[in-house]
N, C-alpha and C. Protein backbone atom coordinates (compact mmCIF):
# COMPACT_ATOMS: atom_id res chain seq x y z
N MET A 1 -6.66 6.40 -33.19
CA MET A 1 -5.91 5.66 -32.20
C MET A 1 -5.73 6.55 -30.98
N LEU A 2 -5.87 5.95 -29.81
CA LEU A 2 -5.78 6.67 -28.55
C LEU A 2 -4.78 5.96 -27.66
N SER A 3 -3.79 6.69 -27.16
CA SER A 3 -2.81 6.09 -26.25
C SER A 3 -3.20 6.41 -24.82
N ALA A 4 -3.05 5.43 -23.94
CA ALA A 4 -3.38 5.63 -22.53
C ALA A 4 -2.43 4.80 -21.69
N SER A 5 -2.32 5.15 -20.44
CA SER A 5 -1.50 4.40 -19.51
C SER A 5 -2.31 4.12 -18.26
N ALA A 6 -2.30 2.86 -17.83
CA ALA A 6 -3.02 2.50 -16.61
C ALA A 6 -2.26 2.94 -15.38
N ALA A 7 -0.97 3.14 -15.49
CA ALA A 7 -0.11 3.61 -14.39
C ALA A 7 -0.32 2.81 -13.12
N GLY A 8 -0.37 1.49 -13.25
CA GLY A 8 -0.46 0.63 -12.07
C GLY A 8 -1.87 0.42 -11.56
N ARG A 9 -2.86 1.02 -12.19
CA ARG A 9 -4.25 0.84 -11.73
C ARG A 9 -4.86 -0.37 -12.41
N ARG A 10 -5.86 -0.93 -11.76
CA ARG A 10 -6.50 -2.12 -12.29
C ARG A 10 -7.49 -1.80 -13.40
N PHE A 11 -8.17 -0.67 -13.31
CA PHE A 11 -9.17 -0.29 -14.30
C PHE A 11 -8.82 1.05 -14.91
N VAL A 12 -9.22 1.23 -16.14
CA VAL A 12 -9.04 2.51 -16.83
C VAL A 12 -10.41 2.92 -17.39
N ARG A 13 -10.79 4.15 -17.16
CA ARG A 13 -12.08 4.65 -17.66
C ARG A 13 -11.81 5.58 -18.83
N LEU A 14 -12.55 5.38 -19.90
CA LEU A 14 -12.44 6.22 -21.08
C LEU A 14 -13.76 6.97 -21.23
N ALA A 15 -13.70 8.28 -21.21
CA ALA A 15 -14.90 9.11 -21.37
C ALA A 15 -14.72 9.96 -22.62
N ILE A 16 -15.72 9.94 -23.46
CA ILE A 16 -15.68 10.73 -24.70
C ILE A 16 -16.71 11.84 -24.58
N ALA A 17 -16.24 13.08 -24.60
CA ALA A 17 -17.14 14.23 -24.53
C ALA A 17 -17.25 14.80 -25.94
N ASP A 18 -18.38 14.59 -26.58
CA ASP A 18 -18.53 15.06 -27.95
C ASP A 18 -19.36 16.33 -28.04
N GLY A 19 -19.59 16.96 -26.92
CA GLY A 19 -20.30 18.24 -26.93
C GLY A 19 -21.68 18.12 -27.52
N ASP A 20 -22.03 19.04 -28.46
CA ASP A 20 -23.36 19.02 -29.04
C ASP A 20 -23.40 18.25 -30.36
N SER A 21 -22.33 17.52 -30.68
CA SER A 21 -22.30 16.68 -31.88
C SER A 21 -23.18 15.46 -31.67
N PRO A 22 -23.62 14.84 -32.75
CA PRO A 22 -24.41 13.61 -32.57
C PRO A 22 -23.57 12.52 -31.92
N PRO A 23 -24.20 11.57 -31.23
CA PRO A 23 -23.44 10.51 -30.55
C PRO A 23 -22.57 9.73 -31.53
N LEU A 24 -21.42 9.32 -31.03
CA LEU A 24 -20.51 8.52 -31.85
C LEU A 24 -21.06 7.12 -32.00
N GLY A 25 -20.85 6.52 -33.13
CA GLY A 25 -21.31 5.16 -33.36
C GLY A 25 -20.26 4.15 -32.93
N VAL A 26 -19.92 4.12 -31.67
CA VAL A 26 -18.92 3.19 -31.16
C VAL A 26 -19.57 1.83 -31.00
N THR A 27 -19.03 0.85 -31.70
CA THR A 27 -19.60 -0.50 -31.63
C THR A 27 -18.67 -1.48 -30.94
N GLY A 28 -17.49 -1.06 -30.61
CA GLY A 28 -16.58 -1.98 -29.95
C GLY A 28 -15.35 -1.24 -29.47
N LEU A 29 -14.55 -1.95 -28.70
CA LEU A 29 -13.33 -1.39 -28.15
C LEU A 29 -12.28 -2.49 -28.13
N ARG A 30 -11.09 -2.18 -28.55
CA ARG A 30 -10.00 -3.15 -28.53
C ARG A 30 -8.87 -2.55 -27.71
N ALA A 31 -8.50 -3.23 -26.65
CA ALA A 31 -7.43 -2.75 -25.78
C ALA A 31 -6.17 -3.57 -26.04
N LEU A 32 -5.08 -2.90 -26.22
CA LEU A 32 -3.79 -3.55 -26.41
C LEU A 32 -2.83 -3.06 -25.34
N TRP A 33 -1.98 -3.92 -24.89
CA TRP A 33 -0.96 -3.51 -23.95
C TRP A 33 0.31 -4.29 -24.23
N ARG A 34 1.40 -3.70 -23.84
CA ARG A 34 2.69 -4.34 -24.01
C ARG A 34 3.01 -5.07 -22.71
N PRO A 35 3.07 -6.40 -22.76
CA PRO A 35 3.34 -7.14 -21.52
C PRO A 35 4.74 -6.86 -20.99
N ARG A 36 4.84 -6.85 -19.70
CA ARG A 36 6.13 -6.66 -19.05
C ARG A 36 6.54 -8.00 -18.47
N GLU A 37 7.76 -8.36 -18.70
CA GLU A 37 8.19 -9.67 -18.22
C GLU A 37 9.64 -9.61 -17.77
N ILE A 38 9.97 -10.55 -16.92
CA ILE A 38 11.34 -10.75 -16.48
C ILE A 38 11.74 -12.12 -17.02
N VAL A 39 12.86 -12.18 -17.70
CA VAL A 39 13.30 -13.44 -18.32
C VAL A 39 14.47 -13.99 -17.52
N PHE A 40 14.36 -15.25 -17.14
CA PHE A 40 15.44 -15.95 -16.45
C PHE A 40 15.88 -17.12 -17.32
N ARG A 41 17.16 -17.35 -17.40
CA ARG A 41 17.66 -18.51 -18.12
C ARG A 41 17.83 -19.64 -17.13
N ALA A 42 17.12 -20.72 -17.36
CA ALA A 42 17.17 -21.86 -16.44
C ALA A 42 18.06 -22.93 -17.03
N GLU A 43 18.82 -23.58 -16.19
CA GLU A 43 19.69 -24.67 -16.63
C GLU A 43 18.87 -25.92 -16.97
N ARG A 44 17.72 -26.10 -16.35
CA ARG A 44 16.88 -27.27 -16.59
C ARG A 44 15.42 -26.88 -16.46
N ALA A 45 14.54 -27.69 -17.00
CA ALA A 45 13.11 -27.44 -16.91
C ALA A 45 12.61 -27.83 -15.52
N GLY A 46 11.50 -27.24 -15.13
CA GLY A 46 10.91 -27.57 -13.84
C GLY A 46 10.73 -26.34 -12.98
N PRO A 47 10.23 -26.55 -11.79
CA PRO A 47 10.00 -25.39 -10.90
C PRO A 47 11.31 -24.79 -10.41
N HIS A 48 11.29 -23.48 -10.24
CA HIS A 48 12.45 -22.74 -9.73
C HIS A 48 11.97 -21.81 -8.64
N THR A 49 12.89 -21.39 -7.81
CA THR A 49 12.58 -20.47 -6.72
C THR A 49 13.42 -19.21 -6.90
N LEU A 50 12.77 -18.07 -6.83
CA LEU A 50 13.46 -16.78 -6.90
C LEU A 50 13.57 -16.26 -5.48
N LEU A 51 14.79 -16.09 -5.01
CA LEU A 51 15.02 -15.57 -3.66
C LEU A 51 15.44 -14.12 -3.76
N ALA A 52 14.80 -13.28 -3.01
CA ALA A 52 15.16 -11.87 -2.95
C ALA A 52 15.46 -11.52 -1.51
N GLY A 53 16.59 -10.90 -1.30
CA GLY A 53 16.96 -10.53 0.05
C GLY A 53 17.60 -11.67 0.82
N ALA A 54 17.82 -12.80 0.16
CA ALA A 54 18.43 -13.94 0.85
C ALA A 54 19.94 -13.76 0.88
N ASP A 55 20.59 -14.49 1.72
CA ASP A 55 22.04 -14.44 1.86
C ASP A 55 22.65 -15.47 0.89
N VAL A 56 22.61 -15.13 -0.41
CA VAL A 56 23.11 -16.03 -1.45
C VAL A 56 24.16 -15.30 -2.26
N ALA A 57 24.81 -16.05 -3.15
CA ALA A 57 25.85 -15.46 -3.99
C ALA A 57 25.23 -14.44 -4.95
N ALA A 58 26.06 -13.50 -5.40
CA ALA A 58 25.59 -12.47 -6.32
C ALA A 58 25.13 -13.10 -7.62
N PRO A 59 24.08 -12.57 -8.26
CA PRO A 59 23.57 -13.15 -9.49
C PRO A 59 24.49 -12.88 -10.68
N VAL A 60 24.32 -13.67 -11.72
CA VAL A 60 25.04 -13.48 -12.98
C VAL A 60 24.04 -12.93 -13.98
N TYR A 61 24.39 -11.80 -14.61
CA TYR A 61 23.47 -11.16 -15.54
C TYR A 61 23.86 -11.52 -16.97
N ASP A 62 22.89 -11.93 -17.77
CA ASP A 62 23.17 -12.33 -19.15
C ASP A 62 22.25 -11.57 -20.11
N LEU A 63 22.17 -10.29 -19.95
CA LEU A 63 21.29 -9.47 -20.78
C LEU A 63 21.68 -9.53 -22.25
N ALA A 64 22.98 -9.57 -22.54
CA ALA A 64 23.42 -9.59 -23.93
C ALA A 64 22.93 -10.85 -24.64
N ALA A 65 22.95 -12.01 -23.98
CA ALA A 65 22.49 -13.26 -24.59
C ALA A 65 20.98 -13.20 -24.86
N ILE A 66 20.23 -12.62 -23.96
CA ILE A 66 18.78 -12.52 -24.14
C ILE A 66 18.47 -11.57 -25.29
N LEU A 67 19.16 -10.43 -25.38
CA LEU A 67 18.91 -9.49 -26.46
C LEU A 67 19.32 -10.07 -27.80
N ALA A 68 20.38 -10.88 -27.84
CA ALA A 68 20.80 -11.52 -29.09
C ALA A 68 19.74 -12.51 -29.55
N ARG A 69 19.12 -13.20 -28.61
CA ARG A 69 18.09 -14.18 -28.95
C ARG A 69 16.83 -13.50 -29.48
N THR A 70 16.51 -12.32 -28.97
CA THR A 70 15.30 -11.63 -29.41
C THR A 70 15.54 -10.77 -30.64
N GLY A 71 16.78 -10.56 -31.04
CA GLY A 71 17.08 -9.78 -32.23
C GLY A 71 17.33 -8.32 -31.94
N ASP A 72 17.20 -7.88 -30.71
CA ASP A 72 17.49 -6.49 -30.37
C ASP A 72 19.00 -6.29 -30.28
N ALA A 73 19.42 -5.06 -30.43
CA ALA A 73 20.84 -4.77 -30.31
C ALA A 73 21.26 -4.90 -28.86
N PRO A 74 22.36 -5.60 -28.60
CA PRO A 74 22.78 -5.75 -27.21
C PRO A 74 23.19 -4.40 -26.60
N ALA A 75 22.82 -4.24 -25.38
CA ALA A 75 23.17 -3.01 -24.66
C ALA A 75 23.99 -3.41 -23.45
N PRO A 76 25.07 -2.69 -23.19
CA PRO A 76 25.88 -3.05 -22.01
C PRO A 76 25.11 -2.77 -20.72
N ALA A 77 25.23 -3.69 -19.82
CA ALA A 77 24.57 -3.53 -18.53
C ALA A 77 25.58 -3.82 -17.44
N ARG A 78 25.77 -2.87 -16.58
CA ARG A 78 26.66 -3.07 -15.44
C ARG A 78 25.84 -2.89 -14.17
N LEU A 79 25.48 -4.01 -13.62
CA LEU A 79 24.68 -3.99 -12.41
C LEU A 79 25.56 -4.41 -11.25
N GLY A 80 25.53 -3.63 -10.21
CA GLY A 80 26.32 -3.96 -9.04
C GLY A 80 25.68 -5.06 -8.23
N SER A 81 26.42 -5.54 -7.27
CA SER A 81 25.85 -6.58 -6.42
C SER A 81 24.78 -5.97 -5.52
N PRO A 82 23.76 -6.75 -5.20
CA PRO A 82 22.69 -6.20 -4.36
C PRO A 82 23.19 -5.86 -2.96
N GLY A 83 22.58 -4.87 -2.39
CA GLY A 83 22.95 -4.45 -1.04
C GLY A 83 21.75 -3.89 -0.32
N PRO A 84 21.93 -3.52 0.92
CA PRO A 84 20.80 -2.98 1.70
C PRO A 84 20.37 -1.62 1.15
N ASN A 85 19.09 -1.35 1.28
CA ASN A 85 18.53 -0.07 0.86
C ASN A 85 18.64 0.91 2.02
N PRO A 86 19.45 1.97 1.90
CA PRO A 86 19.60 2.90 3.03
C PRO A 86 18.33 3.70 3.31
N GLY A 87 17.43 3.80 2.35
CA GLY A 87 16.20 4.55 2.57
C GLY A 87 15.07 3.71 3.12
N PHE A 88 15.33 2.41 3.32
CA PHE A 88 14.27 1.53 3.80
C PHE A 88 14.03 1.74 5.29
N ARG A 89 12.78 1.76 5.68
CA ARG A 89 12.42 1.77 7.09
C ARG A 89 11.11 1.03 7.24
N GLU A 90 10.93 0.43 8.37
CA GLU A 90 9.72 -0.34 8.63
C GLU A 90 8.50 0.58 8.57
N ALA A 91 7.44 0.05 8.04
CA ALA A 91 6.20 0.83 7.98
C ALA A 91 5.66 1.04 9.39
N GLU A 92 5.27 2.27 9.66
CA GLU A 92 4.71 2.57 10.97
C GLU A 92 3.31 2.01 11.06
N LYS A 93 3.01 1.44 12.19
CA LYS A 93 1.68 0.90 12.39
C LYS A 93 0.68 2.05 12.50
N ASP A 94 -0.41 1.92 11.82
CA ASP A 94 -1.46 2.94 11.87
C ASP A 94 -2.40 2.58 13.01
N LEU A 95 -2.02 3.00 14.22
CA LEU A 95 -2.80 2.66 15.41
C LEU A 95 -3.99 3.60 15.54
N PRO A 96 -5.10 3.09 16.07
CA PRO A 96 -6.24 3.97 16.33
C PRO A 96 -5.92 4.98 17.43
N PHE A 97 -6.74 6.03 17.49
CA PHE A 97 -6.53 7.11 18.46
C PHE A 97 -6.43 6.57 19.89
N SER A 98 -7.31 5.61 20.24
CA SER A 98 -7.34 5.09 21.60
C SER A 98 -6.07 4.33 21.96
N GLU A 99 -5.38 3.77 20.96
CA GLU A 99 -4.13 3.06 21.24
C GLU A 99 -2.94 4.02 21.28
N ARG A 100 -2.98 5.07 20.48
CA ARG A 100 -1.88 6.03 20.49
C ARG A 100 -1.83 6.81 21.79
N TYR A 101 -2.99 7.12 22.38
CA TYR A 101 -3.05 7.92 23.61
C TYR A 101 -3.68 7.12 24.73
N ARG A 102 -3.22 5.90 24.92
CA ARG A 102 -3.80 4.99 25.91
C ARG A 102 -3.65 5.52 27.33
N VAL A 103 -2.46 5.98 27.70
CA VAL A 103 -2.22 6.42 29.09
C VAL A 103 -3.01 7.70 29.41
N PRO A 104 -2.95 8.76 28.59
CA PRO A 104 -3.75 9.94 28.93
C PRO A 104 -5.25 9.66 28.99
N LEU A 105 -5.74 8.82 28.10
CA LEU A 105 -7.16 8.48 28.14
C LEU A 105 -7.51 7.69 29.40
N SER A 106 -6.63 6.78 29.80
CA SER A 106 -6.88 6.00 31.02
C SER A 106 -6.90 6.90 32.25
N VAL A 107 -5.94 7.83 32.32
CA VAL A 107 -5.89 8.75 33.46
C VAL A 107 -7.14 9.64 33.47
N GLY A 108 -7.53 10.15 32.30
CA GLY A 108 -8.71 11.00 32.22
C GLY A 108 -9.98 10.25 32.64
N LEU A 109 -10.13 9.00 32.19
CA LEU A 109 -11.30 8.21 32.57
C LEU A 109 -11.30 7.90 34.07
N ALA A 110 -10.11 7.61 34.61
CA ALA A 110 -10.03 7.33 36.05
C ALA A 110 -10.44 8.57 36.86
N LEU A 111 -9.97 9.75 36.45
CA LEU A 111 -10.37 10.98 37.14
C LEU A 111 -11.86 11.24 37.01
N LEU A 112 -12.41 11.00 35.83
CA LEU A 112 -13.84 11.20 35.61
C LEU A 112 -14.66 10.24 36.48
N PHE A 113 -14.29 8.96 36.52
CA PHE A 113 -15.03 7.99 37.33
C PHE A 113 -14.88 8.30 38.82
N GLY A 114 -13.71 8.77 39.23
CA GLY A 114 -13.52 9.15 40.63
C GLY A 114 -14.41 10.33 41.01
N ALA A 115 -14.48 11.34 40.11
CA ALA A 115 -15.33 12.49 40.38
C ALA A 115 -16.80 12.09 40.42
N LEU A 116 -17.22 11.20 39.53
CA LEU A 116 -18.61 10.73 39.54
C LEU A 116 -18.91 9.93 40.81
N ALA A 117 -17.93 9.13 41.27
CA ALA A 117 -18.13 8.36 42.50
C ALA A 117 -18.27 9.29 43.69
N LEU A 118 -17.43 10.30 43.80
CA LEU A 118 -17.53 11.26 44.91
C LEU A 118 -18.87 12.00 44.87
N TRP A 119 -19.32 12.37 43.72
CA TRP A 119 -20.60 13.06 43.58
C TRP A 119 -21.75 12.14 44.00
N ALA A 120 -21.68 10.86 43.61
CA ALA A 120 -22.72 9.91 44.00
C ALA A 120 -22.74 9.71 45.51
N VAL A 121 -21.56 9.62 46.14
CA VAL A 121 -21.50 9.47 47.60
C VAL A 121 -22.08 10.70 48.27
N ARG A 122 -21.78 11.86 47.77
CA ARG A 122 -22.30 13.10 48.35
C ARG A 122 -23.82 13.14 48.23
N LEU A 123 -24.36 12.70 47.08
CA LEU A 123 -25.82 12.67 46.92
C LEU A 123 -26.47 11.65 47.84
N LEU A 124 -25.82 10.52 48.07
CA LEU A 124 -26.39 9.48 48.92
C LEU A 124 -26.35 9.87 50.40
N ARG A 125 -25.40 10.68 50.82
CA ARG A 125 -25.29 11.09 52.23
C ARG A 125 -26.21 12.26 52.57
N ARG A 126 -26.82 12.85 51.63
CA ARG A 126 -27.70 13.99 51.86
C ARG A 126 -28.96 13.49 52.56
N PRO A 127 -29.41 14.20 53.58
CA PRO A 127 -30.62 13.77 54.29
C PRO A 127 -31.83 13.83 53.38
N PRO A 128 -32.80 12.93 53.58
CA PRO A 128 -34.01 12.96 52.75
C PRO A 128 -34.77 14.27 52.95
N GLY A 129 -35.30 14.77 51.87
CA GLY A 129 -36.10 16.00 51.92
C GLY A 129 -35.28 17.25 51.90
N ALA A 130 -33.95 17.14 51.88
CA ALA A 130 -33.11 18.34 51.83
C ALA A 130 -33.17 18.93 50.44
N GLY A 131 -32.90 20.18 50.34
CA GLY A 131 -32.95 20.89 49.06
C GLY A 131 -31.79 20.45 48.17
N PRO A 132 -31.66 21.12 47.06
CA PRO A 132 -30.57 20.79 46.14
C PRO A 132 -29.22 21.02 46.80
N PRO A 133 -28.23 20.19 46.44
CA PRO A 133 -26.91 20.37 47.05
C PRO A 133 -26.30 21.71 46.68
N THR A 134 -25.51 22.22 47.59
CA THR A 134 -24.87 23.53 47.35
C THR A 134 -23.41 23.36 47.10
């Protein structure tokens, strides 16, 4: 028996290194996992909506009733009312280099084009047959 954890990944790779021993006669693989679930007690059958972060009344927790139904020993649970997360902050946009430094790049390109324009004007004003510009 081999225990493994996917740790939130979609795929798990199993590699068996048997060194110089003959190859293992593996003919099959059986993967087992313990499903994770959230149980809600509904007053009636049908579709329900779970609101998170909404401005609604605090929830009622009935963990003891669920544990009694499953046969596990009830454990006390004291959950406070939901509140804002002080560590939360908006994700920073991952802007490309050209967007992060838009103004310096624009100024640099304007200076480059201006210098090229002045150089072109200087070349065009040179008399025909004159030597290289000095």
